[in-house]
Amino acid sequence: MLSKKFDYIIIYSFLLASILRIAMLVRLFVVRQLQMDEFSGMVAFIITCILIGASYFSFQSILNECLWPLVERIFRKGQQPIHEFNVEVTPVTPMETIIPKEDISIPNYNDYKQAAQQKIQEEQMQTLENVLCYTNKELALYVEESEMQKLYTYIRTFQYATEKECNKINSPVTVNSKLKPIDLMHFGWNIGNQFNKSGIEIATFIKRVFAEVLKENEISTLIRKLRSSEGTCIIKIKEEL
């Protein structure tokens, strides 16, 4: 839009300059050749400007209204008509995916429940296996085979037992005298930690299982010293087995 206005300004500036030059020549002709006064020259200048401007706009009006339409009709006759083809566009609607109701399988609650229970059982069995392997490696030098089998049974029970159930153990396991109370405390904490047992459950378990070695230790003392690092020991604390 601005460039078009600028073009008009340039065109009309040239037009105005041309009209003024012609009018100035007419004024000089009137004053010098015709020997008339300055007023007459000025009148001739103004009249010339008006006549030339009016002539230009009249010619432009005639050109736009009469000549250009005639020229367009002449040139159109020599051109081939261009046929327009109407193409019907059919709107495409998105197709909805229809799933037959027969193919939709609704998950069964019991299936999920059984799968979750099976996973828990597998994890618990793996934990028990790790604890039994650790027990065998740690105590094989200090416990006879028959006593080890008894300890295995107690450990299997301990995995799901409560404090009261641990307190029902009546037949303690005999161990070598090389194992001190602190070793059995560490052993109890190591396996109890795998089963997520509380301090009192671990203390009650080892108090009943290793009753001969821990006969002089109270439950409260055992709870307090389960992870104690006092003195030398054979069995060390282990977070992971």
Foldseek 3Di string as FASTA:
>chain_A
DVVVVVVVVVVVVVVLVVQQVVLLVQLCCCCPVVVDDNVVSVVSSVVSSVVVVVVVVVVVVCCVPPVVVVVVVVVVVPDDDDDDDDDDDDDDDDDDDDDDPVPDDDDDPVVVVVVVVVVVVVLLVVLLVVLLVVCCVQQVVWADPVLSVVVNVLLVCLLPDDLVVLLPQADARDTHPVAAPLQLLLSLCQSCLSSVHALLSSLSNSCRRVVVRCVVPDSVRSSVRSQPPPDDGSHHHDNHD
